[in-house]
Amino acid sequence: MASDPKTVEFILDQLNAAGVDVSAKKMFGEYGLYLDGKMVAMVCDDQLFVKPTPEGRAFTGPIEEAPPYPQAKPCLLIDGERWDDSDWLAELFRVSAAALPAPRPKKPR
């Protein structure tokens, strides 16, 4: 089941309101969320999954982890009630993005 674009728009609005410049790219009916060129999270089946990092886990405290799609590695599953706290969500994205490696440079064709 594909995610509703309104769900992604809401999450982006929350993050942008908190001063985080995040973009979304549609991927197979779902969405990848990017901060500073790094894919930090995914919206799959209208649920928010943040890539797990030790820093992100420390920030969130105990949190449910689940794979965003079959055979995927577990990610931090962010409850919809937390989406309303734009400052908390923005800080989670900042902390997670800082801990993720830079994207690999694309090879010239």
PDB file of N, CA and C in Angstrom:
ATOM      1  N   MET A   1       0.835  -1.172   0.000  1.00  0.00           N
ATOM      2  CA  MET A   1       0.000   0.000   0.000  1.00  0.00           C
ATOM      3  C   MET A   1       0.882   1.239   0.000  1.00  0.00           C
ATOM      4  N   ALA A   2       0.644   2.151  -0.889  1.00  0.00           N
ATOM      5  CA  ALA A   2       1.449   3.361  -1.010  1.00  0.00           C
ATOM      6  C   ALA A   2       1.056   4.380   0.055  1.00  0.00           C
ATOM      7  N   SER A   3       2.024   5.190   0.429  1.00  0.00           N
ATOM      8  CA  SER A   3       1.773   6.235   1.420  1.00  0.00           C
ATOM      9  C   SER A   3       1.007   7.390   0.796  1.00  0.00           C
ATOM     10  N   ASP A   4       0.201   8.039   1.605  1.00  0.00           N
ATOM     11  CA  ASP A   4      -0.569   9.209   1.187  1.00  0.00           C
ATOM     12  C   ASP A   4       0.378  10.409   1.114  1.00  0.00           C
ATOM     13  N   PRO A   5       0.403  11.129  -0.008  1.00  0.00           N
ATOM     14  CA  PRO A   5       1.269  12.311  -0.108  1.00  0.00           C
ATOM     15  C   PRO A   5       0.997  13.342   0.991  1.00  0.00           C
ATOM     16  N   LYS A   6      -0.226  13.377   1.520  1.00  0.00           N
ATOM     17  CA  LYS A   6      -0.543  14.325   2.593  1.00  0.00           C
ATOM     18  C   LYS A   6       0.215  13.986   3.882  1.00  0.00           C
ATOM     19  N   THR A   7       0.471  12.712   4.109  1.00  0.00           N
ATOM     20  CA  THR A   7       1.257  12.300   5.271  1.00  0.00           C
ATOM     21  C   THR A   7       2.668  12.858   5.163  1.00  0.00           C
ATOM     22  N   VAL A   8       3.269  12.699   3.993  1.00  0.00           N
ATOM     23  CA  VAL A   8       4.626  13.191   3.756  1.00  0.00           C
ATOM     24  C   VAL A   8       4.647  14.713   3.864  1.00  0.00           C
ATOM     25  N   GLU A   9       3.667  15.364   3.292  1.00  0.00           N
ATOM     26  CA  GLU A   9       3.592  16.824   3.349  1.00  0.00           C
ATOM     27  C   GLU A   9       3.516  17.306   4.801  1.00  0.00           C
ATOM     28  N   PHE A  10       2.723  16.622   5.625  1.00  0.00           N
ATOM     29  CA  PHE A  10       2.604  16.998   7.038  1.00  0.00           C
ATOM     30  C   PHE A  10       3.952  16.894   7.749  1.00  0.00           C
ATOM     31  N   ILE A  11       4.661  15.781   7.539  1.00  0.00           N
ATOM     32  CA  ILE A  11       5.960  15.583   8.185  1.00  0.00           C
ATOM     33  C   ILE A  11       6.949  16.648   7.716  1.00  0.00           C
ATOM     34  N   LEU A  12       6.966  16.931   6.417  1.00  0.00           N
ATOM     35  CA  LEU A  12       7.866  17.964   5.896  1.00  0.00           C
ATOM     36  C   LEU A  12       7.528  19.329   6.484  1.00  0.00           C
ATOM     37  N   ASP A  13       6.253  19.647   6.585  1.00  0.00           N
ATOM     38  CA  ASP A  13       5.837  20.927   7.173  1.00  0.00           C
ATOM     39  C   ASP A  13       6.302  21.031   8.622  1.00  0.00           C
ATOM     40  N   GLN A  14       6.165  19.950   9.380  1.00  0.00           N
ATOM     41  CA  GLN A  14       6.597  19.952  10.778  1.00  0.00           C
ATOM     42  C   GLN A  14       8.098  20.202  10.878  1.00  0.00           C
ATOM     43  N   LEU A  15       8.865  19.539  10.029  1.00  0.00           N
ATOM     44  CA  LEU A  15      10.317  19.688  10.077  1.00  0.00           C
ATOM     45  C   LEU A  15      10.757  21.067   9.594  1.00  0.00           C
ATOM     46  N   ASN A  16      10.142  21.559   8.527  1.00  0.00           N
ATOM     47  CA  ASN A  16      10.500  22.879   8.013  1.00  0.00           C
ATOM     48  C   ASN A  16      10.143  23.975   9.019  1.00  0.00           C
ATOM     49  N   ALA A  17       9.033  23.809   9.744  1.00  0.00           N
ATOM     50  CA  ALA A  17       8.635  24.787  10.766  1.00  0.00           C
ATOM     51  C   ALA A  17       9.671  24.853  11.887  1.00  0.00           C
ATOM     52  N   ALA A  18      10.363  23.752  12.124  1.00  0.00           N
ATOM     53  CA  ALA A  18      11.384  23.701  13.172  1.00  0.00           C
ATOM     54  C   ALA A  18      12.765  24.067  12.633  1.00  0.00           C
ATOM     55  N   GLY A  19      12.845  24.516  11.396  1.00  0.00           N
ATOM     56  CA  GLY A  19      14.110  24.981  10.838  1.00  0.00           C
ATOM     57  C   GLY A  19      14.972  23.925  10.182  1.00  0.00           C
ATOM     58  N   VAL A  20      14.401  22.791   9.860  1.00  0.00           N
ATOM     59  CA  VAL A  20      15.155  21.727   9.189  1.00  0.00           C
ATOM     60  C   VAL A  20      14.724  21.683   7.728  1.00  0.00           C
ATOM     61  N   ASP A  21      15.681  21.819   6.836  1.00  0.00           N
ATOM     62  CA  ASP A  21      15.383  21.795   5.401  1.00  0.00           C
ATOM     63  C   ASP A  21      15.453  20.359   4.899  1.00  0.00           C
ATOM     64  N   VAL A  22      14.320  19.700   4.884  1.00  0.00           N
ATOM     65  CA  VAL A  22      14.219  18.299   4.483  1.00  0.00           C
ATOM     66  C   VAL A  22      13.484  18.222   3.153  1.00  0.00           C
ATOM     67  N   SER A  23      13.891  17.278   2.320  1.00  0.00           N
ATOM     68  CA  SER A  23      13.195  17.060   1.052  1.00  0.00           C
ATOM     69  C   SER A  23      12.742  15.604   0.987  1.00  0.00           C
ATOM     70  N   ALA A  24      11.787  15.353   0.113  1.00  0.00           N
ATOM     71  CA  ALA A  24      11.260  14.000  -0.052  1.00  0.00           C
ATOM     72  C   ALA A  24      11.386  13.588  -1.508  1.00  0.00           C
ATOM     73  N   LYS A  25      11.689  12.330  -1.708  1.00  0.00           N
ATOM     74  CA  LYS A  25      11.734  11.760  -3.058  1.00  0.00           C
ATOM     75  C   LYS A  25      10.842  10.534  -3.072  1.00  0.00           C
ATOM     76  N   LYS A  26       9.985  10.464  -4.082  1.00  0.00           N
ATOM     77  CA  LYS A  26       9.088   9.320  -4.212  1.00  0.00           C
ATOM     78  C   LYS A  26       9.889   8.124  -4.699  1.00  0.00           C
ATOM     79  N   MET A  27       9.649   6.996  -4.038  1.00  0.00           N
ATOM     80  CA  MET A  27      10.376   5.769  -4.363  1.00  0.00           C
ATOM     81  C   MET A  27       9.413   4.590  -4.299  1.00  0.00           C
ATOM     82  N   PHE A  28       8.999   4.066  -5.421  1.00  0.00           N
ATOM     83  CA  PHE A  28       8.152   2.882  -5.482  1.00  0.00           C
ATOM     84  C   PHE A  28       6.858   3.045  -4.683  1.00  0.00           C
ATOM     85  N   GLY A  29       6.243   4.199  -4.755  1.00  0.00           N
ATOM     86  CA  GLY A  29       5.000   4.459  -4.045  1.00  0.00           C
ATOM     87  C   GLY A  29       5.200   4.901  -2.615  1.00  0.00           C
ATOM     88  N   GLU A  30       6.415   4.858  -2.132  1.00  0.00           N
ATOM     89  CA  GLU A  30       6.750   5.307  -0.778  1.00  0.00           C
ATOM     90  C   GLU A  30       7.684   6.510  -0.920  1.00  0.00           C
ATOM     91  N   TYR A  31       8.226   6.992   0.191  1.00  0.00           N
ATOM     92  CA  TYR A  31       9.037   8.211   0.142  1.00  0.00           C
ATOM     93  C   TYR A  31      10.296   8.073   0.975  1.00  0.00           C
ATOM     94  N   GLY A  32      11.394   8.639   0.462  1.00  0.00           N
ATOM     95  CA  GLY A  32      12.620   8.789   1.223  1.00  0.00           C
ATOM     96  C   GLY A  32      12.710  10.243   1.655  1.00  0.00           C
ATOM     97  N   LEU A  33      13.125  10.491   2.896  1.00  0.00           N
ATOM     98  CA  LEU A  33      13.284  11.853   3.405  1.00  0.00           C
ATOM     99  C   LEU A  33      14.772  12.135   3.557  1.00  0.00           C
ATOM    100  N   TYR A  34      15.210  13.257   3.006  1.00  0.00           N
ATOM    101  CA  TYR A  34      16.628  13.591   2.918  1.00  0.00           C
ATOM    102  C   TYR A  34      16.948  14.877   3.663  1.00  0.00           C
ATOM    103  N   LEU A  35      18.069  14.850   4.376  1.00  0.00           N
ATOM    104  CA  LEU A  35      18.600  16.031   5.048  1.00  0.00           C
ATOM    105  C   LEU A  35      20.075  16.120   4.687  1.00  0.00           C
ATOM    106  N   ASP A  36      20.488  17.235   4.151  1.00  0.00           N
ATOM    107  CA  ASP A  36      21.886  17.441   3.735  1.00  0.00           C
ATOM    108  C   ASP A  36      22.366  16.347   2.780  1.00  0.00           C
ATOM    109  N   GLY A  37      21.486  15.920   1.871  1.00  0.00           N
ATOM    110  CA  GLY A  37      21.850  14.905   0.889  1.00  0.00           C
ATOM    111  C   GLY A  37      21.862  13.483   1.425  1.00  0.00           C
ATOM    112  N   LYS A  38      21.570  13.316   2.696  1.00  0.00           N
ATOM    113  CA  LYS A  38      21.565  11.982   3.310  1.00  0.00           C
ATOM    114  C   LYS A  38      20.128  11.518   3.499  1.00  0.00           C
ATOM    115  N   MET A  39      19.877  10.276   3.130  1.00  0.00           N
ATOM    116  CA  MET A  39      18.551   9.715   3.384  1.00  0.00           C
ATOM    117  C   MET A  39      18.483   9.356   4.863  1.00  0.00           C
ATOM    118  N   VAL A  40      17.627  10.079   5.586  1.00  0.00           N
ATOM    119  CA  VAL A  40      17.539   9.933   7.031  1.00  0.00           C
ATOM    120  C   VAL A  40      16.358   9.059   7.426  1.00  0.00           C
ATOM    121  N   ALA A  41      15.287   9.113   6.628  1.00  0.00           N
ATOM    122  CA  ALA A  41      14.068   8.406   7.018  1.00  0.00           C
ATOM    123  C   ALA A  41      13.279   7.978   5.790  1.00  0.00           C
ATOM    124  N   MET A  42      12.284   7.135   6.035  1.00  0.00           N
ATOM    125  CA  MET A  42      11.370   6.687   4.995  1.00  0.00           C
ATOM    126  C   MET A  42       9.947   6.769   5.519  1.00  0.00           C
ATOM    127  N   VAL A  43       9.039   7.087   4.640  1.00  0.00           N
ATOM    128  CA  VAL A  43       7.615   7.009   4.958  1.00  0.00           C
ATOM    129  C   VAL A  43       7.076   5.851   4.130  1.00  0.00           C
ATOM    130  N   CYS A  44       6.674   4.803   4.808  1.00  0.00           N
ATOM    131  CA  CYS A  44       6.149   3.593   4.165  1.00  0.00           C
ATOM    132  C   CYS A  44       4.831   3.229   4.842  1.00  0.00           C
ATOM    133  N   ASP A  45       3.809   3.010   4.034  1.00  0.00           N
ATOM    134  CA  ASP A  45       2.476   2.693   4.561  1.00  0.00           C
ATOM    135  C   ASP A  45       2.029   3.722   5.600  1.00  0.00           C
ATOM    136  N   ASP A  46       2.316   4.995   5.324  1.00  0.00           N
ATOM    137  CA  ASP A  46       1.948   6.113   6.198  1.00  0.00           C
ATOM    138  C   ASP A  46       2.541   5.994   7.600  1.00  0.00           C
ATOM    139  N   GLN A  47       3.705   5.371   7.703  1.00  0.00           N
ATOM    140  CA  GLN A  47       4.444   5.293   8.959  1.00  0.00           C
ATOM    141  C   GLN A  47       5.826   5.885   8.723  1.00  0.00           C
ATOM    142  N   LEU A  48       6.379   6.510   9.765  1.00  0.00           N
ATOM    143  CA  LEU A  48       7.692   7.141   9.675  1.00  0.00           C
ATOM    144  C   LEU A  48       8.748   6.229  10.273  1.00  0.00           C
ATOM    145  N   PHE A  49       9.740   5.881   9.465  1.00  0.00           N
ATOM    146  CA  PHE A  49      10.857   5.044   9.874  1.00  0.00           C
ATOM    147  C   PHE A  49      12.141   5.850   9.738  1.00  0.00           C
ATOM    148  N   VAL A  50      12.862   6.030  10.830  1.00  0.00           N
ATOM    149  CA  VAL A  50      14.125   6.768  10.814  1.00  0.00           C
ATOM    150  C   VAL A  50      15.261   5.760  10.856  1.00  0.00           C
ATOM    151  N   LYS A  51      16.294   6.002  10.029  1.00  0.00           N
ATOM    152  CA  LYS A  51      17.441   5.094  10.014  1.00  0.00           C
ATOM    153  C   LYS A  51      18.056   5.028  11.413  1.00  0.00           C
ATOM    154  N   PRO A  52      18.354   3.838  11.873  1.00  0.00           N
ATOM    155  CA  PRO A  52      18.877   3.701  13.231  1.00  0.00           C
ATOM    156  C   PRO A  52      20.358   4.078  13.321  1.00  0.00           C
ATOM    157  N   THR A  53      20.675   4.882  14.297  1.00  0.00           N
ATOM    158  CA  THR A  53      22.063   5.210  14.631  1.00  0.00           C
ATOM    159  C   THR A  53      22.156   5.158  16.158  1.00  0.00           C
ATOM    160  N   PRO A  54      23.334   4.931  16.703  1.00  0.00           N
ATOM    161  CA  PRO A  54      23.458   4.958  18.170  1.00  0.00           C
ATOM    162  C   PRO A  54      22.993   6.303  18.758  1.00  0.00           C
ATOM    163  N   GLU A  55      23.300   7.386  18.060  1.00  0.00           N
ATOM    164  CA  GLU A  55      22.909   8.713  18.534  1.00  0.00           C
ATOM    165  C   GLU A  55      21.389   8.886  18.498  1.00  0.00           C
ATOM    166  N   GLY A  56      20.751   8.387  17.449  1.00  0.00           N
ATOM    167  CA  GLY A  56      19.300   8.467  17.340  1.00  0.00           C
ATOM    168  C   GLY A  56      18.618   7.643  18.416  1.00  0.00           C
ATOM    169  N   ARG A  57      19.156   6.455  18.681  1.00  0.00           N
ATOM    170  CA  ARG A  57      18.589   5.609  19.739  1.00  0.00           C
ATOM    171  C   ARG A  57      18.754   6.270  21.105  1.00  0.00           C
ATOM    172  N   ALA A  58      19.910   6.902  21.345  1.00  0.00           N
ATOM    173  CA  ALA A  58      20.137   7.587  22.622  1.00  0.00           C
ATOM    174  C   ALA A  58      19.168   8.758  22.775  1.00  0.00           C
ATOM    175  N   PHE A  59      18.910   9.453  21.675  1.00  0.00           N
ATOM    176  CA  PHE A  59      18.002  10.606  21.726  1.00  0.00           C
ATOM    177  C   PHE A  59      16.563  10.166  22.010  1.00  0.00           C
ATOM    178  N   THR A  60      16.105   9.119  21.343  1.00  0.00           N
ATOM    179  CA  THR A  60      14.710   8.697  21.489  1.00  0.00           C
ATOM    180  C   THR A  60      14.454   7.925  22.773  1.00  0.00           C
ATOM    181  N   GLY A  61      15.471   7.270  23.292  1.00  0.00           N
ATOM    182  CA  GLY A  61      15.249   6.366  24.416  1.00  0.00           C
ATOM    183  C   GLY A  61      14.618   5.087  23.882  1.00  0.00           C
ATOM    184  N   PRO A  62      14.036   4.280  24.752  1.00  0.00           N
ATOM    185  CA  PRO A  62      13.434   3.031  24.273  1.00  0.00           C
ATOM    186  C   PRO A  62      12.351   3.324  23.227  1.00  0.00           C
ATOM    187  N   ILE A  63      12.471   2.671  22.096  1.00  0.00           N
ATOM    188  CA  ILE A  63      11.536   2.914  20.999  1.00  0.00           C
ATOM    189  C   ILE A  63      11.387   1.639  20.187  1.00  0.00           C
ATOM    190  N   GLU A  64      10.221   1.469  19.619  1.00  0.00           N
ATOM    191  CA  GLU A  64       9.967   0.293  18.784  1.00  0.00           C
ATOM    192  C   GLU A  64      10.779   0.393  17.501  1.00  0.00           C
ATOM    193  N   GLU A  65      11.289  -0.739  17.060  1.00  0.00           N
ATOM    194  CA  GLU A  65      11.979  -0.821  15.777  1.00  0.00           C
ATOM    195  C   GLU A  65      11.250  -1.838  14.915  1.00  0.00           C
ATOM    196  N   ALA A  66      11.159  -1.520  13.614  1.00  0.00           N
ATOM    197  CA  ALA A  66      10.482  -2.404  12.676  1.00  0.00           C
ATOM    198  C   ALA A  66      11.035  -2.142  11.279  1.00  0.00           C
ATOM    199  N   PRO A  67      10.981  -3.148  10.409  1.00  0.00           N
ATOM    200  CA  PRO A  67      11.432  -2.920   9.032  1.00  0.00           C
ATOM    201  C   PRO A  67      10.376  -2.130   8.246  1.00  0.00           C
ATOM    202  N   PRO A  68      10.793  -1.159   7.440  1.00  0.00           N
ATOM    203  CA  PRO A  68       9.826  -0.378   6.665  1.00  0.00           C
ATOM    204  C   PRO A  68       9.174  -1.175   5.531  1.00  0.00           C
ATOM    205  N   TYR A  69       9.833  -2.227   5.080  1.00  0.00           N
ATOM    206  CA  TYR A  69       9.303  -3.090   4.029  1.00  0.00           C
ATOM    207  C   TYR A  69       9.932  -4.471   4.214  1.00  0.00           C
ATOM    208  N   PRO A  70       9.366  -5.508   3.609  1.00  0.00           N
ATOM    209  CA  PRO A  70       9.897  -6.865   3.808  1.00  0.00           C
ATOM    210  C   PRO A  70      11.380  -6.973   3.450  1.00  0.00           C
ATOM    211  N   GLN A  71      12.108  -7.700   4.235  1.00  0.00           N
ATOM    212  CA  GLN A  71      13.541  -7.950   4.116  1.00  0.00           C
ATOM    213  C   GLN A  71      14.412  -6.717   4.374  1.00  0.00           C
ATOM    214  N   ALA A  72      13.843  -5.636   4.862  1.00  0.00           N
ATOM    215  CA  ALA A  72      14.630  -4.450   5.210  1.00  0.00           C
ATOM    216  C   ALA A  72      15.149  -4.588   6.636  1.00  0.00           C
ATOM    217  N   LYS A  73      16.239  -3.873   6.913  1.00  0.00           N
ATOM    218  CA  LYS A  73      16.751  -3.826   8.275  1.00  0.00           C
ATOM    219  C   LYS A  73      15.789  -3.004   9.133  1.00  0.00           C
ATOM    220  N   PRO A  74      15.669  -3.327  10.411  1.00  0.00           N
ATOM    221  CA  PRO A  74      14.776  -2.558  11.284  1.00  0.00           C
ATOM    222  C   PRO A  74      15.225  -1.101  11.396  1.00  0.00           C
ATOM    223  N   CYS A  75      14.248  -0.232  11.460  1.00  0.00           N
ATOM    224  CA  CYS A  75      14.466   1.204  11.638  1.00  0.00           C
ATOM    225  C   CYS A  75      13.682   1.661  12.862  1.00  0.00           C
ATOM    226  N   LEU A  76      13.965   2.869  13.321  1.00  0.00           N
ATOM    227  CA  LEU A  76      13.223   3.442  14.436  1.00  0.00           C
ATOM    228  C   LEU A  76      11.832   3.807  13.938  1.00  0.00           C
ATOM    229  N   LEU A  77      10.813   3.219  14.514  1.00  0.00           N
ATOM    230  CA  LEU A  77       9.432   3.491  14.117  1.00  0.00           C
ATOM    231  C   LEU A  77       8.908   4.620  14.993  1.00  0.00           C
ATOM    232  N   ILE A  78       8.671   5.773  14.377  1.00  0.00           N
ATOM    233  CA  ILE A  78       8.258   6.959  15.117  1.00  0.00           C
ATOM    234  C   ILE A  78       6.737   7.017  15.156  1.00  0.00           C
ATOM    235  N   ASP A  79       6.193   6.953  16.354  1.00  0.00           N
ATOM    236  CA  ASP A  79       4.749   6.973  16.552  1.00  0.00           C
ATOM    237  C   ASP A  79       4.159   8.285  16.026  1.00  0.00           C
ATOM    238  N   GLY A  80       2.990   8.196  15.414  1.00  0.00           N
ATOM    239  CA  GLY A  80       2.328   9.369  14.840  1.00  0.00           C
ATOM    240  C   GLY A  80       2.094  10.492  15.831  1.00  0.00           C
ATOM    241  N   GLU A  81       1.944  10.158  17.105  1.00  0.00           N
ATOM    242  CA  GLU A  81       1.746  11.194  18.118  1.00  0.00           C
ATOM    243  C   GLU A  81       2.990  12.072  18.283  1.00  0.00           C
ATOM    244  N   ARG A  82       4.174  11.530  17.993  1.00  0.00           N
ATOM    245  CA  ARG A  82       5.421  12.300  18.107  1.00  0.00           C
ATOM    246  C   ARG A  82       5.592  13.273  16.947  1.00  0.00           C
ATOM    247  N   TRP A  83       4.864  13.062  15.852  1.00  0.00           N
ATOM    248  CA  TRP A  83       5.005  13.933  14.678  1.00  0.00           C
ATOM    249  C   TRP A  83       4.579  15.360  14.988  1.00  0.00           C
ATOM    250  N   ASP A  84       3.664  15.533  15.943  1.00  0.00           N
ATOM    251  CA  ASP A  84       3.174  16.869  16.282  1.00  0.00           C
ATOM    252  C   ASP A  84       4.216  17.702  17.013  1.00  0.00           C
ATOM    253  N   ASP A  85       5.195  17.063  17.624  1.00  0.00           N
ATOM    254  CA  ASP A  85       6.256  17.772  18.329  1.00  0.00           C
ATOM    255  C   ASP A  85       7.377  18.073  17.337  1.00  0.00           C
ATOM    256  N   SER A  86       7.231  19.174  16.612  1.00  0.00           N
ATOM    257  CA  SER A  86       8.156  19.480  15.518  1.00  0.00           C
ATOM    258  C   SER A  86       9.590  19.667  16.010  1.00  0.00           C
ATOM    259  N   ASP A  87       9.783  20.239  17.205  1.00  0.00           N
ATOM    260  CA  ASP A  87      11.144  20.436  17.716  1.00  0.00           C
ATOM    261  C   ASP A  87      11.814  19.096  18.010  1.00  0.00           C
ATOM    262  N   TRP A  88      11.069  18.166  18.632  1.00  0.00           N
ATOM    263  CA  TRP A  88      11.611  16.844  18.930  1.00  0.00           C
ATOM    264  C   TRP A  88      11.950  16.099  17.635  1.00  0.00           C
ATOM    265  N   LEU A  89      11.035  16.151  16.672  1.00  0.00           N
ATOM    266  CA  LEU A  89      11.232  15.456  15.406  1.00  0.00           C
ATOM    267  C   LEU A  89      12.423  16.036  14.644  1.00  0.00           C
ATOM    268  N   ALA A  90      12.538  17.368  14.651  1.00  0.00           N
ATOM    269  CA  ALA A  90      13.650  18.026  13.959  1.00  0.00           C
ATOM    270  C   ALA A  90      14.985  17.641  14.592  1.00  0.00           C
ATOM    271  N   GLU A  91      15.025  17.595  15.914  1.00  0.00           N
ATOM    272  CA  GLU A  91      16.280  17.231  16.583  1.00  0.00           C
ATOM    273  C   GLU A  91      16.651  15.781  16.291  1.00  0.00           C
ATOM    274  N   LEU A  92      15.659  14.892  16.237  1.00  0.00           N
ATOM    275  CA  LEU A  92      15.933  13.504  15.870  1.00  0.00           C
ATOM    276  C   LEU A  92      16.538  13.434  14.475  1.00  0.00           C
ATOM    277  N   PHE A  93      16.004  14.195  13.528  1.00  0.00           N
ATOM    278  CA  PHE A  93      16.541  14.204  12.168  1.00  0.00           C
ATOM    279  C   PHE A  93      17.964  14.760  12.155  1.00  0.00           C
ATOM    280  N   ARG A  94      18.215  15.829  12.904  1.00  0.00           N
ATOM    281  CA  ARG A  94      19.562  16.431  12.942  1.00  0.00           C
ATOM    282  C   ARG A  94      20.583  15.443  13.524  1.00  0.00           C
ATOM    283  N   VAL A  95      20.223  14.828  14.648  1.00  0.00           N
ATOM    284  CA  VAL A  95      21.113  13.885  15.317  1.00  0.00           C
ATOM    285  C   VAL A  95      21.389  12.686  14.417  1.00  0.00           C
ATOM    286  N   SER A  96      20.359  12.176  13.792  1.00  0.00           N
ATOM    287  CA  SER A  96      20.510  10.998  12.929  1.00  0.00           C
ATOM    288  C   SER A  96      21.339  11.328  11.692  1.00  0.00           C
ATOM    289  N   ALA A  97      21.063  12.460  11.067  1.00  0.00           N
ATOM    290  CA  ALA A  97      21.806  12.848   9.864  1.00  0.00           C
ATOM    291  C   ALA A  97      23.284  13.053  10.168  1.00  0.00           C
ATOM    292  N   ALA A  98      23.585  13.654  11.305  1.00  0.00           N
ATOM    293  CA  ALA A  98      24.983  13.890  11.671  1.00  0.00           C
ATOM    294  C   ALA A  98      25.744  12.575  11.860  1.00  0.00           C
ATOM    295  N   ALA A  99      25.045  11.536  12.289  1.00  0.00           N
ATOM    296  CA  ALA A  99      25.688  10.243  12.539  1.00  0.00           C
ATOM    297  C   ALA A  99      25.798   9.370  11.290  1.00  0.00           C
ATOM    298  N   LEU A 100      25.049   9.706  10.247  1.00  0.00           N
ATOM    299  CA  LEU A 100      25.078   8.892   9.027  1.00  0.00           C
ATOM    300  C   LEU A 100      26.256   9.289   8.140  1.00  0.00           C
ATOM    301  N   PRO A 101      26.822   8.329   7.409  1.00  0.00           N
ATOM    302  CA  PRO A 101      27.938   8.665   6.505  1.00  0.00           C
ATOM    303  C   PRO A 101      27.440   9.504   5.329  1.00  0.00           C
ATOM    304  N   ALA A 102      28.360  10.260   4.767  1.00  0.00           N
ATOM    305  CA  ALA A 102      28.033  11.063   3.578  1.00  0.00           C
ATOM    306  C   ALA A 102      27.671  10.129   2.428  1.00  0.00           C
ATOM    307  N   PRO A 103      26.762  10.573   1.551  1.00  0.00           N
ATOM    308  CA  PRO A 103      26.423   9.705   0.419  1.00  0.00           C
ATOM    309  C   PRO A 103      27.632   9.517  -0.498  1.00  0.00           C
ATOM    310  N   ARG A 104      27.675   8.361  -1.111  1.00  0.00           N
ATOM    311  CA  ARG A 104      28.771   8.076  -2.046  1.00  0.00           C
ATOM    312  C   ARG A 104      28.635   8.964  -3.266  1.00  0.00           C
ATOM    313  N   PRO A 105      29.762   9.468  -3.778  1.00  0.00           N
ATOM    314  CA  PRO A 105      29.657  10.270  -5.008  1.00  0.00           C
ATOM    315  C   PRO A 105      29.214   9.391  -6.184  1.00  0.00           C
ATOM    316  N   LYS A 106      28.388   9.977  -7.022  1.00  0.00           N
ATOM    317  CA  LYS A 106      27.909   9.230  -8.195  1.00  0.00           C
ATOM    318  C   LYS A 106      29.026   9.092  -9.214  1.00  0.00           C
ATOM    319  N   LYS A 107      29.090   7.918  -9.815  1.00  0.00           N
ATOM    320  CA  LYS A 107      30.093   7.674 -10.847  1.00  0.00           C
ATOM    321  C   LYS A 107      29.660   8.349 -12.152  1.00  0.00           C
ATOM    322  N   PRO A 108      30.603   8.965 -12.840  1.00  0.00           N
ATOM    323  CA  PRO A 108      30.237   9.573 -14.136  1.00  0.00           C
ATOM    324  C   PRO A 108      29.840   8.490 -15.137  1.00  0.00           C
ATOM    325  N   ARG A 109      28.922   8.832 -15.985  1.00  0.00           N
ATOM    326  CA  ARG A 109      28.448   7.851 -16.981  1.00  0.00           C
ATOM    327  C   ARG A 109      29.316   7.839 -18.199  1.00  0.00           C
TER     328      ARG A 109
END
